[in-house]
N, C-alpha and C. Protein backbone atom coordinates (compact mmCIF):
# COMPACT_ATOMS: atom_id res chain seq x y z
N ILE A 1 2.71 -4.87 6.00
CA ILE A 1 2.10 -5.48 5.21
C ILE A 1 2.69 -7.04 4.85
N ASN A 2 2.04 -8.10 5.02
CA ASN A 2 2.47 -9.46 5.12
C ASN A 2 1.93 -10.16 3.97
N PHE A 3 2.52 -10.46 3.02
CA PHE A 3 2.10 -11.43 1.84
C PHE A 3 2.72 -12.93 1.83
N SER A 4 1.87 -13.80 2.08
CA SER A 4 2.11 -15.11 2.31
C SER A 4 1.44 -15.99 1.48
N GLY A 5 1.66 -16.55 0.11
CA GLY A 5 1.12 -17.34 -0.98
C GLY A 5 0.00 -16.34 -1.23
N ASP A 6 -1.34 -16.50 -1.25
CA ASP A 6 -2.31 -16.22 -2.17
C ASP A 6 -2.82 -15.05 -1.40
N SER A 7 -2.56 -14.72 -0.05
CA SER A 7 -2.98 -14.06 1.35
C SER A 7 -2.35 -12.81 1.54
N VAL A 8 -2.81 -11.76 1.80
CA VAL A 8 -2.42 -10.81 2.36
C VAL A 8 -2.91 -9.97 3.60
N ASP A 9 -2.17 -9.65 4.75
CA ASP A 9 -2.85 -9.13 5.58
C ASP A 9 -2.03 -7.68 6.24
N PRO A 10 -2.45 -6.39 6.20
CA PRO A 10 -3.99 -6.62 6.31
C PRO A 10 -4.74 -6.46 4.97
N HIS A 11 -6.20 -6.87 5.04
CA HIS A 11 -7.02 -7.14 3.72
C HIS A 11 -8.20 -6.05 3.93
N GLY A 12 -8.28 -4.80 3.42
CA GLY A 12 -9.24 -3.98 3.35
C GLY A 12 -9.21 -2.94 4.37
N THR A 13 -8.30 -2.72 5.41
CA THR A 13 -8.20 -2.08 6.56
C THR A 13 -8.05 -0.57 5.76
N GLN A 14 -8.81 0.25 6.82
CA GLN A 14 -8.72 1.73 6.45
C GLN A 14 -8.10 2.34 7.42
N ILE A 15 -6.93 3.29 7.06
CA ILE A 15 -6.06 3.73 7.89
C ILE A 15 -6.01 5.32 7.82
N ASP A 16 -6.05 5.98 8.89
CA ASP A 16 -6.18 7.58 8.73
C ASP A 16 -4.84 8.12 8.35
N VAL A 17 -4.59 8.94 7.72
CA VAL A 17 -3.36 9.86 7.29
C VAL A 17 -3.61 11.32 7.40
N PRO A 18 -3.03 12.28 8.36
CA PRO A 18 -3.25 13.49 8.23
C PRO A 18 -2.85 14.01 6.80
N VAL A 19 -3.44 15.07 6.14
CA VAL A 19 -2.75 15.70 5.04
C VAL A 19 -1.29 16.36 5.29
N GLY A 20 -0.61 16.02 4.13
CA GLY A 20 0.67 16.41 4.10
C GLY A 20 1.87 15.51 5.16
N HIS A 21 1.12 14.24 5.57
CA HIS A 21 1.80 13.51 6.22
C HIS A 21 2.52 12.44 5.11
N GLY A 22 4.10 12.03 5.35
CA GLY A 22 4.27 11.04 4.62
C GLY A 22 3.69 9.66 5.05
N VAL A 23 3.86 8.89 4.09
CA VAL A 23 3.55 7.23 4.29
C VAL A 23 4.33 6.11 3.89
N GLU A 24 4.94 5.52 4.96
CA GLU A 24 5.67 4.50 4.39
C GLU A 24 5.07 3.04 4.55
N LEU A 25 5.64 2.27 3.84
CA LEU A 25 4.74 0.60 4.30
C LEU A 25 5.89 -0.16 4.34
N ASP A 26 6.03 -1.22 5.43
CA ASP A 26 6.77 -2.19 5.50
C ASP A 26 6.11 -3.47 4.89
N VAL A 27 6.83 -4.02 3.92
CA VAL A 27 6.16 -4.94 3.30
C VAL A 27 7.02 -6.38 3.47
N THR A 28 6.68 -7.46 3.89
CA THR A 28 7.19 -8.56 4.36
C THR A 28 6.61 -9.71 3.27
N ALA A 29 7.27 -10.41 2.18
CA ALA A 29 6.52 -11.04 1.63
C ALA A 29 7.69 -12.51 1.13
N ASP A 30 6.80 -13.35 0.75
CA ASP A 30 7.37 -14.89 0.56
C ASP A 30 7.77 -14.64 -1.11
N ALA A 31 7.56 -14.01 -2.04
CA ALA A 31 7.54 -14.13 -3.26
C ALA A 31 7.57 -12.41 -3.70
N ALA A 32 8.31 -12.03 -4.84
CA ALA A 32 8.21 -10.72 -5.04
C ALA A 32 7.07 -10.30 -5.80
N GLY A 33 6.60 -8.90 -5.83
CA GLY A 33 5.56 -8.33 -6.32
C GLY A 33 5.46 -7.05 -6.49
N GLU A 34 4.32 -6.32 -6.57
CA GLU A 34 4.24 -4.95 -6.67
C GLU A 34 2.79 -4.44 -6.35
N ILE A 35 2.76 -3.40 -5.49
CA ILE A 35 1.63 -2.75 -5.24
C ILE A 35 1.21 -1.74 -5.86
N HIS A 36 0.03 -1.20 -6.23
CA HIS A 36 -0.66 -0.27 -6.64
C HIS A 36 -1.14 0.66 -5.88
N VAL A 37 -1.18 2.06 -6.18
CA VAL A 37 -1.47 3.04 -5.20
C VAL A 37 -2.59 3.89 -6.21
N HIS A 38 -3.79 3.71 -6.00
CA HIS A 38 -4.78 4.71 -6.57
C HIS A 38 -4.72 5.93 -6.12
N SER A 39 -3.53 6.91 -6.60
CA SER A 39 -3.57 8.25 -5.98
C SER A 39 -3.27 9.32 -7.51
N ASP A 40 -3.19 10.53 -7.21
CA ASP A 40 -2.92 11.39 -8.44
C ASP A 40 -1.69 12.26 -8.44
N PRO A 41 -0.60 11.81 -8.81
CA PRO A 41 -0.45 10.66 -9.99
C PRO A 41 -0.47 9.38 -9.05
N GLU A 42 -0.96 8.05 -10.09
CA GLU A 42 -0.89 6.81 -9.57
C GLU A 42 0.56 6.26 -9.40
N GLN A 43 0.72 5.38 -8.08
CA GLN A 43 2.10 4.90 -7.98
C GLN A 43 2.00 3.51 -8.10
N SER A 44 3.57 2.97 -8.32
CA SER A 44 3.23 1.48 -8.19
C SER A 44 4.72 1.27 -7.71
N ALA A 45 4.85 0.27 -6.79
CA ALA A 45 6.26 -0.23 -6.11
C ALA A 45 6.34 -1.34 -5.90
N ALA A 46 7.61 -1.57 -6.39
CA ALA A 46 8.12 -3.36 -6.45
C ALA A 46 8.47 -3.66 -5.09
N TYR A 47 8.41 -4.84 -4.33
CA TYR A 47 9.17 -5.40 -3.21
C TYR A 47 9.53 -6.75 -3.41
N GLY A 48 10.46 -6.98 -2.90
CA GLY A 48 11.22 -8.21 -2.99
C GLY A 48 10.99 -9.35 -2.13
N VAL A 49 11.78 -10.39 -1.86
CA VAL A 49 11.28 -11.41 -0.98
C VAL A 49 12.31 -10.78 0.23
N GLY A 50 11.41 -11.13 1.30
CA GLY A 50 11.80 -10.47 2.59
C GLY A 50 11.07 -9.30 3.10
N THR A 51 11.81 -8.43 3.55
CA THR A 51 11.28 -7.31 4.04
C THR A 51 11.98 -6.23 3.15
N THR A 52 10.80 -5.14 2.77
CA THR A 52 11.03 -4.05 1.85
C THR A 52 10.37 -2.74 2.55
N ARG A 53 10.78 -1.77 2.58
CA ARG A 53 10.35 -0.51 2.85
C ARG A 53 10.02 0.47 1.51
N ILE A 54 8.53 0.85 1.60
CA ILE A 54 8.13 1.33 0.31
C ILE A 54 7.69 2.91 0.81
N SER A 55 8.14 3.85 0.30
CA SER A 55 8.11 5.23 0.53
C SER A 55 6.94 5.85 -0.20
N LEU A 56 5.73 6.23 -0.12
CA LEU A 56 4.72 6.89 -0.83
C LEU A 56 4.60 8.45 -0.77
N GLY A 57 5.50 9.14 0.31
CA GLY A 57 5.59 10.37 0.03
C GLY A 57 4.16 10.79 0.75
N ALA A 58 4.06 12.26 0.63
CA ALA A 58 3.14 12.82 1.51
C ALA A 58 1.85 12.91 0.53
N PHE A 59 0.40 12.97 1.23
CA PHE A 59 -0.87 13.16 0.40
C PHE A 59 -1.18 14.67 0.87
N GLU A 60 -1.56 15.37 -0.25
CA GLU A 60 -1.80 16.86 0.01
C GLU A 60 -3.02 17.03 -0.12
N ILE A 61 -3.72 16.10 -0.78
CA ILE A 61 -5.26 16.11 -1.22
C ILE A 61 -5.73 15.24 -0.35
N PRO A 62 -7.03 15.77 0.61
CA PRO A 62 -8.00 14.98 1.18
C PRO A 62 -8.60 13.91 0.18
N GLY A 63 -8.92 12.47 0.59
CA GLY A 63 -9.57 11.55 0.11
C GLY A 63 -9.34 10.40 0.28
N GLN A 64 -9.74 9.27 -0.28
CA GLN A 64 -9.71 7.99 0.07
C GLN A 64 -8.74 7.53 -1.16
N TYR A 65 -7.40 6.68 -0.98
CA TYR A 65 -6.75 6.37 -1.76
C TYR A 65 -6.34 4.75 -1.46
N GLU A 66 -6.67 3.89 -2.47
CA GLU A 66 -6.72 2.28 -2.23
C GLU A 66 -5.25 1.93 -2.42
N VAL A 67 -4.59 1.00 -1.85
CA VAL A 67 -3.59 0.35 -2.02
C VAL A 67 -3.81 -1.15 -2.44
N GLU A 68 -3.36 -1.47 -3.54
CA GLU A 68 -3.83 -2.68 -3.94
C GLU A 68 -2.45 -3.85 -4.41
N SER A 69 -3.08 -4.83 -4.26
CA SER A 69 -2.11 -5.94 -4.84
C SER A 69 -3.14 -6.45 -6.22
N HIS A 70 -2.52 -6.16 -7.46
CA HIS A 70 -3.09 -6.59 -8.75
C HIS A 70 -2.84 -7.74 -8.95
N THR A 71 -1.71 -8.31 -8.72
CA THR A 71 -1.53 -10.10 -8.77
C THR A 71 -2.74 -10.71 -8.03
N LEU A 72 -3.01 -10.24 -6.39
CA LEU A 72 -3.77 -11.09 -5.73
C LEU A 72 -5.22 -10.42 -6.25
N GLY A 73 -5.44 -9.43 -6.79
CA GLY A 73 -6.71 -8.75 -7.04
C GLY A 73 -7.29 -8.35 -5.86
N LYS A 74 -6.56 -7.82 -4.64
CA LYS A 74 -7.02 -7.44 -3.12
C LYS A 74 -6.66 -5.99 -3.06
N THR A 75 -7.65 -5.50 -2.21
CA THR A 75 -7.13 -4.25 -1.79
C THR A 75 -6.87 -4.53 -0.24
N ILE A 76 -5.53 -4.00 -0.16
CA ILE A 76 -4.73 -4.12 1.19
C ILE A 76 -5.06 -3.07 2.25
N VAL A 77 -5.08 -1.90 1.95
CA VAL A 77 -5.77 -0.95 2.82
C VAL A 77 -6.13 0.69 1.82
N THR A 78 -6.94 1.22 2.65
CA THR A 78 -7.34 2.36 1.97
C THR A 78 -6.91 3.38 2.97
N LEU A 79 -6.12 4.58 2.29
CA LEU A 79 -5.59 5.58 3.22
C LEU A 79 -6.63 6.52 3.25
N GLU A 80 -7.10 7.18 4.13
CA GLU A 80 -8.05 7.89 4.53
C GLU A 80 -7.45 9.17 5.00
N VAL A 81 -7.16 10.41 3.77
CA VAL A 81 -6.44 11.31 4.02
C VAL A 81 -7.43 12.63 4.32
N LYS A 82 -7.26 12.97 5.42
CA LYS A 82 -7.88 14.44 6.18
C LYS A 82 -7.13 14.96 6.93
């Protein structure tokens, strides 16, 4: 995930994740921020300037989980767990 100013890449991409598979996000950013994952329980993770690896753990329940930047008001990716 790349944050630059008011933009993020990817933006709205769907990623397939097998049930029980761990998810890690590599974030590169020009300013510190936070991502939010609509999971149960919900998760938030901070990232700093430069590159940060964020571990979301394994998703055990099938479904769609949005990963968002509340600061930018954008969905970064949707994890399709199946």
